[in-house]
Amino acid sequence: MYFFDTYAIIEIIKENKAYVKYSQEILTTSILNFGELYYALLRDFNEAIANEWRRKLEQSLMLVDADIIAKAMLFKHKHKSKNFSFIDCVGYTLAKENGLVFLTGDKEFEDLDNVEYVK
């Protein structure tokens, strides 16, 4: 199973051929990634599309607690030479902590363990 970074979900929505094989998976992501996605859909499409994806994802959103945030910030600090966002660090940490592969097209993650990088 995969943890879908916001990038990956957007590529599925755009019907990127490289992401077609992931579109049938359960789209597990974090509540924070959902916020990022919802805003992107409002910006690039409209509220109806954003709400459609809200309904699709509501049952598979992972919550974030203080322990995950602390671990994510340790990861960010360890890799401070890379330009990881807060949400990406939380997502990557959630994926590792829950036995999920972090699916992303973010080049910064390409060579890390537990990542499936798809351009």
C-alpha atoms as a PDB file:
ATOM      1  CA  MET A   1       0.000   0.000   0.000  1.00  0.00           C
ATOM      2  CA  TYR A   2       0.997   3.574  -0.615  1.00  0.00           C
ATOM      3  CA  PHE A   3       0.897   6.910   1.118  1.00  0.00           C
ATOM      4  CA  PHE A   4      -0.021   9.412  -1.595  1.00  0.00           C
ATOM      5  CA  ASP A   5       1.822  12.713  -1.494  1.00  0.00           C
ATOM      6  CA  THR A   6      -0.224  15.670  -2.732  1.00  0.00           C
ATOM      7  CA  TYR A   7       1.892  15.668  -5.902  1.00  0.00           C
ATOM      8  CA  ALA A   8       0.864  12.067  -6.642  1.00  0.00           C
ATOM      9  CA  ILE A   9      -2.848  12.757  -6.120  1.00  0.00           C
ATOM     10  CA  ILE A  10      -2.718  15.789  -8.403  1.00  0.00           C
ATOM     11  CA  GLU A  11      -1.015  13.719 -11.114  1.00  0.00           C
ATOM     12  CA  ILE A  12      -3.790  11.110 -10.806  1.00  0.00           C
ATOM     13  CA  ILE A  13      -6.401  13.858 -11.140  1.00  0.00           C
ATOM     14  CA  LYS A  14      -4.570  15.205 -14.232  1.00  0.00           C
ATOM     15  CA  GLU A  15      -4.579  11.638 -15.614  1.00  0.00           C
ATOM     16  CA  ASN A  16      -0.803  11.542 -15.963  1.00  0.00           C
ATOM     17  CA  LYS A  17      -0.074   8.221 -17.699  1.00  0.00           C
ATOM     18  CA  ALA A  18       2.797   7.502 -15.300  1.00  0.00           C
ATOM     19  CA  TYR A  19       0.274   7.454 -12.428  1.00  0.00           C
ATOM     20  CA  VAL A  20      -2.521   5.430 -14.056  1.00  0.00           C
ATOM     21  CA  LYS A  21      -1.461   2.206 -12.334  1.00  0.00           C
ATOM     22  CA  TYR A  22      -1.860   3.882  -8.913  1.00  0.00           C
ATOM     23  CA  SER A  23      -5.347   5.256  -9.550  1.00  0.00           C
ATOM     24  CA  GLN A  24      -7.004   2.005  -8.450  1.00  0.00           C
ATOM     25  CA  GLU A  25      -5.195   1.946  -5.103  1.00  0.00           C
ATOM     26  CA  ILE A  26      -6.757   3.221  -1.891  1.00  0.00           C
ATOM     27  CA  LEU A  27      -5.647   6.854  -1.846  1.00  0.00           C
ATOM     28  CA  THR A  28      -4.245   7.068   1.671  1.00  0.00           C
ATOM     29  CA  THR A  29      -2.865  10.471   2.625  1.00  0.00           C
ATOM     30  CA  SER A  30      -2.771  12.810   5.610  1.00  0.00           C
ATOM     31  CA  ILE A  31      -5.247  15.423   6.704  1.00  0.00           C
ATOM     32  CA  LEU A  32      -2.495  17.980   6.011  1.00  0.00           C
ATOM     33  CA  ASN A  33      -2.014  16.738   2.436  1.00  0.00           C
ATOM     34  CA  PHE A  34      -5.766  16.946   2.025  1.00  0.00           C
ATOM     35  CA  GLY A  35      -5.651  20.635   2.977  1.00  0.00           C
ATOM     36  CA  GLU A  36      -2.903  21.245   0.450  1.00  0.00           C
ATOM     37  CA  LEU A  37      -4.835  19.322  -2.221  1.00  0.00           C
ATOM     38  CA  TYR A  38      -8.138  21.049  -1.486  1.00  0.00           C
ATOM     39  CA  TYR A  39      -6.528  24.450  -1.938  1.00  0.00           C
ATOM     40  CA  ALA A  40      -4.822  23.389  -5.188  1.00  0.00           C
ATOM     41  CA  LEU A  41      -8.146  22.133  -6.553  1.00  0.00           C
ATOM     42  CA  LEU A  42      -9.903  25.374  -5.603  1.00  0.00           C
ATOM     43  CA  ARG A  43      -7.105  27.321  -7.303  1.00  0.00           C
ATOM     44  CA  ASP A  44      -6.844  25.198 -10.456  1.00  0.00           C
ATOM     45  CA  PHE A  45     -10.413  23.930 -10.870  1.00  0.00           C
ATOM     46  CA  ASN A  46     -13.375  24.867  -8.670  1.00  0.00           C
ATOM     47  CA  GLU A  47     -15.121  24.161  -5.377  1.00  0.00           C
ATOM     48  CA  ALA A  48     -17.226  21.332  -6.849  1.00  0.00           C
ATOM     49  CA  ILE A  49     -14.093  19.400  -7.882  1.00  0.00           C
ATOM     50  CA  ALA A  50     -12.459  20.110  -4.514  1.00  0.00           C
ATOM     51  CA  ASN A  51     -15.531  18.764  -2.707  1.00  0.00           C
ATOM     52  CA  GLU A  52     -15.691  15.716  -4.977  1.00  0.00           C
ATOM     53  CA  TRP A  53     -12.144  14.814  -3.934  1.00  0.00           C
ATOM     54  CA  ARG A  54     -12.992  15.551  -0.318  1.00  0.00           C
ATOM     55  CA  ARG A  55     -15.701  12.881  -0.473  1.00  0.00           C
ATOM     56  CA  LYS A  56     -13.334  10.440  -2.191  1.00  0.00           C
ATOM     57  CA  LEU A  57     -10.595  10.873   0.414  1.00  0.00           C
ATOM     58  CA  GLU A  58     -12.511  11.345   3.669  1.00  0.00           C
ATOM     59  CA  GLN A  59     -12.311   7.687   4.682  1.00  0.00           C
ATOM     60  CA  SER A  60      -8.593   7.336   4.041  1.00  0.00           C
ATOM     61  CA  LEU A  61      -7.180  10.463   5.701  1.00  0.00           C
ATOM     62  CA  MET A  62      -4.567   9.871   8.365  1.00  0.00           C
ATOM     63  CA  LEU A  63      -4.481  12.162  11.378  1.00  0.00           C
ATOM     64  CA  VAL A  64      -1.262  13.668  12.674  1.00  0.00           C
ATOM     65  CA  ASP A  65      -0.189  13.704  16.320  1.00  0.00           C
ATOM     66  CA  ALA A  66       2.660  15.381  18.185  1.00  0.00           C
ATOM     67  CA  ASP A  67       4.856  12.269  17.988  1.00  0.00           C
ATOM     68  CA  ILE A  68       4.653  12.198  14.180  1.00  0.00           C
ATOM     69  CA  ILE A  69       5.356  15.927  13.957  1.00  0.00           C
ATOM     70  CA  ALA A  70       8.416  15.595  16.214  1.00  0.00           C
ATOM     71  CA  LYS A  71       9.761  12.683  14.132  1.00  0.00           C
ATOM     72  CA  ALA A  72       9.051  14.594  10.920  1.00  0.00           C
ATOM     73  CA  MET A  73      10.951  17.631  12.165  1.00  0.00           C
ATOM     74  CA  LEU A  74      13.892  15.425  13.161  1.00  0.00           C
ATOM     75  CA  PHE A  75      13.839  14.077   9.596  1.00  0.00           C
ATOM     76  CA  LYS A  76      13.678  17.632   8.188  1.00  0.00           C
ATOM     77  CA  HIS A  77      16.572  18.708  10.407  1.00  0.00           C
ATOM     78  CA  LYS A  78      18.656  15.691   9.405  1.00  0.00           C
ATOM     79  CA  HIS A  79      18.068  16.530   5.730  1.00  0.00           C
ATOM     80  CA  LYS A  80      18.246  20.313   6.029  1.00  0.00           C
ATOM     81  CA  SER A  81      20.299  20.549   2.847  1.00  0.00           C
ATOM     82  CA  LYS A  82      17.179  19.508   0.924  1.00  0.00           C
ATOM     83  CA  ASN A  83      14.170  21.718   0.435  1.00  0.00           C
ATOM     84  CA  PHE A  84      11.543  19.501   2.102  1.00  0.00           C
ATOM     85  CA  SER A  85       8.269  21.136   3.065  1.00  0.00           C
ATOM     86  CA  PHE A  86       6.686  20.590   6.471  1.00  0.00           C
ATOM     87  CA  ILE A  87       3.796  18.647   4.930  1.00  0.00           C
ATOM     88  CA  ASP A  88       6.121  16.437   2.872  1.00  0.00           C
ATOM     89  CA  CYS A  89       8.162  15.597   5.975  1.00  0.00           C
ATOM     90  CA  VAL A  90       5.020  14.713   7.909  1.00  0.00           C
ATOM     91  CA  GLY A  91       3.732  12.580   5.032  1.00  0.00           C
ATOM     92  CA  TYR A  92       7.013  10.741   4.624  1.00  0.00           C
ATOM     93  CA  THR A  93       7.148  10.061   8.365  1.00  0.00           C
ATOM     94  CA  LEU A  94       3.526   8.886   8.473  1.00  0.00           C
ATOM     95  CA  ALA A  95       4.228   6.526   5.584  1.00  0.00           C
ATOM     96  CA  LYS A  96       7.278   4.993   7.292  1.00  0.00           C
ATOM     97  CA  GLU A  97       5.565   4.716  10.671  1.00  0.00           C
ATOM     98  CA  ASN A  98       2.569   2.942   9.120  1.00  0.00           C
ATOM     99  CA  GLY A  99       4.346   0.568   6.738  1.00  0.00           C
ATOM    100  CA  LEU A 100       3.304   2.464   3.608  1.00  0.00           C
ATOM    101  CA  VAL A 101       5.468   3.392   0.631  1.00  0.00           C
ATOM    102  CA  PHE A 102       5.676   7.156   0.093  1.00  0.00           C
ATOM    103  CA  LEU A 103       4.493   7.808  -3.481  1.00  0.00           C
ATOM    104  CA  THR A 104       5.675  11.116  -4.910  1.00  0.00           C
ATOM    105  CA  GLY A 105       7.057  12.904  -7.919  1.00  0.00           C
ATOM    106  CA  ASP A 106       9.058  15.272  -5.735  1.00  0.00           C
ATOM    107  CA  LYS A 107      12.660  14.875  -6.934  1.00  0.00           C
ATOM    108  CA  GLU A 108      14.051  15.647  -3.448  1.00  0.00           C
ATOM    109  CA  PHE A 109      12.744  12.233  -2.285  1.00  0.00           C
ATOM    110  CA  GLU A 110      13.977  10.218  -5.269  1.00  0.00           C
ATOM    111  CA  ASP A 111      16.930   8.506  -3.568  1.00  0.00           C
ATOM    112  CA  LEU A 112      15.448   7.956  -0.099  1.00  0.00           C
ATOM    113  CA  ASP A 113      14.366   4.589   1.231  1.00  0.00           C
ATOM    114  CA  ASN A 114      10.658   3.763   1.401  1.00  0.00           C
ATOM    115  CA  VAL A 115       9.910   6.015  -1.589  1.00  0.00           C
ATOM    116  CA  GLU A 116       8.380   5.233  -4.932  1.00  0.00           C
ATOM    117  CA  TYR A 117       9.400   8.149  -7.112  1.00  0.00           C
ATOM    118  CA  VAL A 118       7.358   8.633 -10.272  1.00  0.00           C
ATOM    119  CA  LYS A 119       8.060  11.648 -12.455  1.00  0.00           C
END
